[in-house]
């Protein structure tokens, strides 16, 4: 599994935007589709909210990529 670190610039980032910002999804719309298709997990749990607020310390998994979110 590929691992990425993402540096959070604010309090949170919406899940679909995180997928886009890390290159896992080509666009925010594709990120929303991945969530809707049940291909995204947050902290080991399936996530169905496209705009879930992802905060520092959380781990997102999608399409064989693990994204660790770090605070500023």
N, C-alpha and C. Protein backbone atom coordinates (compact mmCIF):
# COMPACT_ATOMS: atom_id res chain seq x y z
N UNK A 1 0.85 -1.18 0.00
CA UNK A 1 0.00 0.00 0.00
C UNK A 1 0.89 1.24 0.00
N UNK A 2 0.56 2.18 -0.86
CA UNK A 2 1.29 3.44 -0.93
C UNK A 2 0.85 4.33 0.23
N UNK A 3 1.79 5.05 0.84
CA UNK A 3 1.44 5.95 1.94
C UNK A 3 1.82 7.38 1.58
N UNK A 4 0.95 8.30 1.94
CA UNK A 4 1.17 9.72 1.70
C UNK A 4 0.95 10.48 3.00
N UNK A 5 1.70 11.56 3.18
CA UNK A 5 1.46 12.47 4.30
C UNK A 5 0.87 13.74 3.73
N UNK A 6 -0.19 14.24 4.37
CA UNK A 6 -0.82 15.47 3.92
C UNK A 6 -0.77 16.48 5.05
N UNK A 7 -0.21 17.66 4.76
CA UNK A 7 -0.10 18.72 5.76
C UNK A 7 -1.34 19.60 5.70
N UNK A 8 -2.13 19.58 6.75
CA UNK A 8 -3.36 20.35 6.83
C UNK A 8 -3.02 21.81 7.07
N UNK A 9 -3.66 22.72 6.31
CA UNK A 9 -3.38 24.15 6.45
C UNK A 9 -4.40 24.86 7.34
N UNK A 10 -5.56 24.28 7.50
CA UNK A 10 -6.59 24.88 8.33
C UNK A 10 -7.05 23.90 9.39
N UNK A 11 -8.29 24.08 9.86
CA UNK A 11 -8.83 23.20 10.89
C UNK A 11 -9.18 21.83 10.33
N UNK A 12 -9.66 21.80 9.07
CA UNK A 12 -10.06 20.55 8.44
C UNK A 12 -10.05 20.71 6.92
N UNK A 13 -10.19 19.57 6.22
CA UNK A 13 -10.38 19.57 4.77
C UNK A 13 -11.50 18.57 4.47
N UNK A 14 -12.34 18.91 3.51
CA UNK A 14 -13.42 17.99 3.14
C UNK A 14 -12.81 16.78 2.45
N UNK A 15 -13.41 15.63 2.71
CA UNK A 15 -12.88 14.36 2.21
C UNK A 15 -12.66 14.37 0.70
N UNK A 16 -13.65 14.79 -0.07
CA UNK A 16 -13.51 14.78 -1.53
C UNK A 16 -12.37 15.70 -1.99
N UNK A 17 -12.16 16.81 -1.27
CA UNK A 17 -11.07 17.73 -1.61
C UNK A 17 -9.71 17.17 -1.23
N UNK A 18 -9.66 16.38 -0.15
CA UNK A 18 -8.41 15.71 0.24
C UNK A 18 -7.99 14.72 -0.83
N UNK A 19 -8.94 13.95 -1.33
CA UNK A 19 -8.64 12.96 -2.38
C UNK A 19 -8.10 13.66 -3.63
N UNK A 20 -8.66 14.82 -3.94
CA UNK A 20 -8.18 15.59 -5.09
C UNK A 20 -6.79 16.18 -4.82
N UNK A 21 -6.60 16.76 -3.65
CA UNK A 21 -5.34 17.42 -3.31
C UNK A 21 -4.16 16.45 -3.27
N UNK A 22 -4.40 15.20 -2.93
CA UNK A 22 -3.33 14.21 -2.85
C UNK A 22 -3.13 13.46 -4.16
N UNK A 23 -4.00 13.71 -5.14
CA UNK A 23 -3.86 13.06 -6.44
C UNK A 23 -4.50 11.68 -6.52
N UNK A 24 -5.18 11.26 -5.45
CA UNK A 24 -5.88 9.98 -5.49
C UNK A 24 -7.04 10.06 -6.48
N UNK A 25 -7.70 11.21 -6.51
CA UNK A 25 -8.80 11.46 -7.47
C UNK A 25 -8.38 12.59 -8.39
N UNK A 26 -8.78 12.50 -9.65
CA UNK A 26 -8.41 13.53 -10.63
C UNK A 26 -9.12 14.85 -10.37
N UNK A 27 -10.29 14.78 -9.70
CA UNK A 27 -11.08 15.98 -9.43
C UNK A 27 -11.90 15.76 -8.17
N UNK A 28 -12.49 16.85 -7.67
CA UNK A 28 -13.36 16.73 -6.52
C UNK A 28 -14.58 15.87 -6.83
N UNK A 29 -15.06 15.97 -8.06
CA UNK A 29 -16.21 15.16 -8.49
C UNK A 29 -15.87 13.67 -8.48
N UNK A 30 -14.67 13.33 -8.92
CA UNK A 30 -14.24 11.93 -8.90
C UNK A 30 -14.09 11.46 -7.45
N UNK A 31 -13.63 12.35 -6.59
CA UNK A 31 -13.52 12.03 -5.17
C UNK A 31 -14.88 11.70 -4.58
N UNK A 32 -15.89 12.49 -4.93
CA UNK A 32 -17.26 12.24 -4.46
C UNK A 32 -17.76 10.89 -4.96
N UNK A 33 -17.42 10.55 -6.19
CA UNK A 33 -17.83 9.26 -6.76
C UNK A 33 -17.19 8.11 -6.01
N UNK A 34 -15.90 8.23 -5.69
CA UNK A 34 -15.21 7.18 -4.95
C UNK A 34 -15.87 6.95 -3.59
N UNK A 35 -16.26 8.03 -2.92
CA UNK A 35 -16.94 7.91 -1.63
C UNK A 35 -18.29 7.23 -1.82
N UNK A 36 -19.04 7.66 -2.83
CA UNK A 36 -20.37 7.09 -3.09
C UNK A 36 -20.28 5.60 -3.43
N UNK A 37 -19.21 5.18 -4.07
CA UNK A 37 -19.02 3.77 -4.44
C UNK A 37 -18.51 2.92 -3.28
N UNK A 38 -18.30 3.54 -2.12
CA UNK A 38 -17.84 2.79 -0.95
C UNK A 38 -16.37 2.39 -1.00
N UNK A 39 -15.56 3.21 -1.63
CA UNK A 39 -14.14 2.87 -1.78
C UNK A 39 -13.22 3.67 -0.86
N UNK A 40 -13.82 4.39 0.10
CA UNK A 40 -13.02 5.24 0.98
C UNK A 40 -13.27 4.87 2.45
N UNK A 41 -12.17 4.73 3.18
CA UNK A 41 -12.26 4.45 4.62
C UNK A 41 -11.53 5.55 5.38
N UNK A 42 -12.12 5.95 6.51
CA UNK A 42 -11.51 6.94 7.39
C UNK A 42 -11.33 6.28 8.75
N UNK A 43 -10.10 6.25 9.22
CA UNK A 43 -9.78 5.61 10.51
C UNK A 43 -10.33 4.19 10.59
N UNK A 44 -10.23 3.45 9.48
CA UNK A 44 -10.63 2.05 9.46
C UNK A 44 -12.12 1.79 9.29
N UNK A 45 -12.91 2.85 9.14
CA UNK A 45 -14.36 2.71 8.98
C UNK A 45 -14.77 3.23 7.60
N UNK A 46 -15.70 2.54 6.98
CA UNK A 46 -16.22 2.98 5.69
C UNK A 46 -16.86 4.35 5.85
N UNK A 47 -16.53 5.28 4.98
CA UNK A 47 -17.06 6.65 5.06
C UNK A 47 -17.98 6.91 3.88
N UNK A 48 -19.21 7.34 4.17
CA UNK A 48 -20.19 7.60 3.11
C UNK A 48 -20.49 9.08 2.93
N UNK A 49 -19.94 9.93 3.78
CA UNK A 49 -20.17 11.38 3.66
C UNK A 49 -19.10 11.99 2.76
N UNK A 50 -19.52 12.50 1.62
CA UNK A 50 -18.57 13.04 0.64
C UNK A 50 -17.79 14.24 1.17
N UNK A 51 -18.45 15.04 2.01
CA UNK A 51 -17.80 16.24 2.52
C UNK A 51 -17.47 16.10 4.01
N UNK A 52 -17.18 14.87 4.45
CA UNK A 52 -16.78 14.66 5.84
C UNK A 52 -15.57 15.53 6.15
N UNK A 53 -15.55 16.12 7.33
CA UNK A 53 -14.44 16.98 7.73
C UNK A 53 -13.30 16.10 8.25
N UNK A 54 -12.20 16.13 7.53
CA UNK A 54 -11.02 15.35 7.89
C UNK A 54 -10.06 16.27 8.63
N UNK A 55 -9.69 15.85 9.84
CA UNK A 55 -8.86 16.67 10.71
C UNK A 55 -7.51 16.00 10.96
N UNK A 56 -6.59 16.76 11.53
CA UNK A 56 -5.26 16.25 11.84
C UNK A 56 -5.36 14.98 12.68
N UNK A 57 -4.53 14.01 12.36
CA UNK A 57 -4.49 12.76 13.10
C UNK A 57 -5.31 11.65 12.48
N UNK A 58 -6.14 11.99 11.50
CA UNK A 58 -6.96 10.97 10.86
C UNK A 58 -6.20 10.31 9.71
N UNK A 59 -6.61 9.08 9.39
CA UNK A 59 -6.00 8.31 8.31
C UNK A 59 -7.09 7.93 7.33
N UNK A 60 -6.87 8.24 6.05
CA UNK A 60 -7.83 7.96 4.98
C UNK A 60 -7.22 6.92 4.05
N UNK A 61 -8.00 5.92 3.67
CA UNK A 61 -7.54 4.90 2.73
C UNK A 61 -8.47 4.86 1.53
N UNK A 62 -7.88 4.81 0.33
CA UNK A 62 -8.66 4.76 -0.90
C UNK A 62 -7.78 4.23 -2.03
N UNK A 63 -8.28 3.24 -2.75
CA UNK A 63 -7.59 2.69 -3.93
C UNK A 63 -6.14 2.31 -3.65
N UNK A 64 -5.90 1.69 -2.50
CA UNK A 64 -4.55 1.24 -2.17
C UNK A 64 -3.61 2.33 -1.71
N UNK A 65 -4.15 3.51 -1.40
CA UNK A 65 -3.33 4.62 -0.91
C UNK A 65 -3.79 4.97 0.50
N UNK A 66 -2.84 5.09 1.40
CA UNK A 66 -3.14 5.49 2.78
C UNK A 66 -2.63 6.90 2.98
N UNK A 67 -3.51 7.81 3.38
CA UNK A 67 -3.16 9.21 3.57
C UNK A 67 -3.22 9.53 5.07
N UNK A 68 -2.11 9.96 5.62
CA UNK A 68 -2.06 10.38 7.01
C UNK A 68 -2.10 11.91 7.04
N UNK A 69 -3.06 12.45 7.78
CA UNK A 69 -3.26 13.90 7.83
C UNK A 69 -2.56 14.46 9.06
N UNK A 70 -1.67 15.41 8.84
CA UNK A 70 -0.92 16.04 9.93
C UNK A 70 -1.35 17.49 10.08
N UNK A 71 -1.33 17.98 11.31
CA UNK A 71 -1.70 19.36 11.58
C UNK A 71 -0.54 20.30 11.36
N UNK A 72 -0.86 21.59 11.41
CA UNK A 72 0.20 22.60 11.19
C UNK A 72 0.85 23.03 12.48
